[in-house]
Amino acid sequence: MASLSKVATKVVGPLSPKEFSNATALESTMNTAIQAVSNASATNAILGTEIVTVLGNHYLVVLYQLA
């Protein structure tokens, strides 16, 4: 069985619904969040992203492999 001990997350947010109305700004925010992952194993270590909504605010969860 594989071990997931080398996986971490970075949560960005909250992002308001207003921020989702400007696609360019939203894309920039998401790209900045992904680039801010500094302890990843490699530049292609992003395993996935997910948007989670809590009480009307959105959070970007970035899953990545640790070094």
C-alpha atoms as a PDB file:
ATOM      1  CA  MET A   1       0.000   0.000   0.000  1.00  0.00           C
ATOM      2  CA  ALA A   2       1.312   3.456  -0.917  1.00  0.00           C
ATOM      3  CA  SER A   3       2.068   5.988   1.774  1.00  0.00           C
ATOM      4  CA  LEU A   4       0.648   9.491   1.502  1.00  0.00           C
ATOM      5  CA  SER A   5       3.033  10.907   4.087  1.00  0.00           C
ATOM      6  CA  LYS A   6       4.775  13.056   1.458  1.00  0.00           C
ATOM      7  CA  VAL A   7       1.629  14.974   0.443  1.00  0.00           C
ATOM      8  CA  ALA A   8       0.797  18.454   1.715  1.00  0.00           C
ATOM      9  CA  THR A   9      -1.826  21.120   1.103  1.00  0.00           C
ATOM     10  CA  LYS A  10      -1.839  24.874   0.765  1.00  0.00           C
ATOM     11  CA  VAL A  11      -5.137  26.691   1.291  1.00  0.00           C
ATOM     12  CA  VAL A  12      -5.690  30.077  -0.337  1.00  0.00           C
ATOM     13  CA  GLY A  13      -8.634  32.207   0.599  1.00  0.00           C
ATOM     14  CA  PRO A  14     -11.162  33.215   1.384  1.00  0.00           C
ATOM     15  CA  LEU A  15     -12.024  34.386  -2.115  1.00  0.00           C
ATOM     16  CA  SER A  16     -15.280  36.318  -2.192  1.00  0.00           C
ATOM     17  CA  PRO A  17     -17.963  35.767  -4.831  1.00  0.00           C
ATOM     18  CA  LYS A  18     -17.041  39.219  -6.211  1.00  0.00           C
ATOM     19  CA  GLU A  19     -13.513  37.971  -6.945  1.00  0.00           C
ATOM     20  CA  PHE A  20     -15.019  35.200  -9.068  1.00  0.00           C
ATOM     21  CA  SER A  21     -16.654  37.765 -11.361  1.00  0.00           C
ATOM     22  CA  ASN A  22     -13.279  38.816 -12.796  1.00  0.00           C
ATOM     23  CA  ALA A  23     -11.759  35.784 -14.527  1.00  0.00           C
ATOM     24  CA  THR A  24      -8.391  37.438 -15.166  1.00  0.00           C
ATOM     25  CA  ALA A  25      -7.908  38.429 -11.524  1.00  0.00           C
ATOM     26  CA  LEU A  26      -9.077  35.016 -10.345  1.00  0.00           C
ATOM     27  CA  GLU A  27      -6.646  33.240 -12.656  1.00  0.00           C
ATOM     28  CA  SER A  28      -3.835  35.456 -11.382  1.00  0.00           C
ATOM     29  CA  THR A  29      -4.741  34.689  -7.748  1.00  0.00           C
ATOM     30  CA  MET A  30      -4.802  30.950  -8.417  1.00  0.00           C
ATOM     31  CA  ASN A  31      -1.512  30.993 -10.328  1.00  0.00           C
ATOM     32  CA  THR A  32       0.138  33.000  -7.554  1.00  0.00           C
ATOM     33  CA  ALA A  33      -1.078  30.461  -4.990  1.00  0.00           C
ATOM     34  CA  ILE A  34       0.333  27.557  -6.951  1.00  0.00           C
ATOM     35  CA  GLN A  35       3.672  29.338  -7.481  1.00  0.00           C
ATOM     36  CA  ALA A  36       3.872  30.077  -3.729  1.00  0.00           C
ATOM     37  CA  VAL A  37       4.249  26.382  -2.888  1.00  0.00           C
ATOM     38  CA  SER A  38       7.894  26.481  -1.859  1.00  0.00           C
ATOM     39  CA  ASN A  39       8.538  23.100  -0.245  1.00  0.00           C
ATOM     40  CA  ALA A  40       7.402  20.887  -3.117  1.00  0.00           C
ATOM     41  CA  SER A  41       9.560  18.053  -4.404  1.00  0.00           C
ATOM     42  CA  ALA A  42       9.795  19.480  -7.939  1.00  0.00           C
ATOM     43  CA  THR A  43       8.301  22.153 -10.151  1.00  0.00           C
ATOM     44  CA  ASN A  44       5.751  19.645 -11.438  1.00  0.00           C
ATOM     45  CA  ALA A  45       4.777  18.320  -7.981  1.00  0.00           C
ATOM     46  CA  ILE A  46       1.242  19.779  -7.947  1.00  0.00           C
ATOM     47  CA  LEU A  47      -1.071  16.797  -7.589  1.00  0.00           C
ATOM     48  CA  GLY A  48      -4.337  18.681  -7.906  1.00  0.00           C
ATOM     49  CA  THR A  49      -6.461  21.625  -6.928  1.00  0.00           C
ATOM     50  CA  GLU A  50      -9.940  21.893  -5.522  1.00  0.00           C
ATOM     51  CA  ILE A  51     -12.321  24.748  -4.813  1.00  0.00           C
ATOM     52  CA  VAL A  52     -14.153  24.457  -1.485  1.00  0.00           C
ATOM     53  CA  THR A  53     -17.050  26.789  -0.646  1.00  0.00           C
ATOM     54  CA  VAL A  54     -17.742  27.667   2.992  1.00  0.00           C
ATOM     55  CA  LEU A  55     -20.452  30.171   3.936  1.00  0.00           C
ATOM     56  CA  GLY A  56     -20.352  31.789   0.497  1.00  0.00           C
ATOM     57  CA  ASN A  57     -16.580  32.215   0.389  1.00  0.00           C
ATOM     58  CA  HIS A  58     -14.349  30.080  -1.800  1.00  0.00           C
ATOM     59  CA  TYR A  59     -11.032  28.529  -0.871  1.00  0.00           C
ATOM     60  CA  LEU A  60      -8.486  27.102  -3.282  1.00  0.00           C
ATOM     61  CA  VAL A  61      -6.838  23.943  -1.946  1.00  0.00           C
ATOM     62  CA  VAL A  62      -3.583  22.979  -3.659  1.00  0.00           C
ATOM     63  CA  LEU A  63      -2.369  19.404  -3.139  1.00  0.00           C
ATOM     64  CA  TYR A  64       1.325  18.809  -3.773  1.00  0.00           C
ATOM     65  CA  GLN A  65       4.129  16.336  -3.169  1.00  0.00           C
ATOM     66  CA  LEU A  66       6.701  17.282  -0.543  1.00  0.00           C
ATOM     67  CA  ALA A  67      10.418  17.220  -1.162  1.00  0.00           C
END
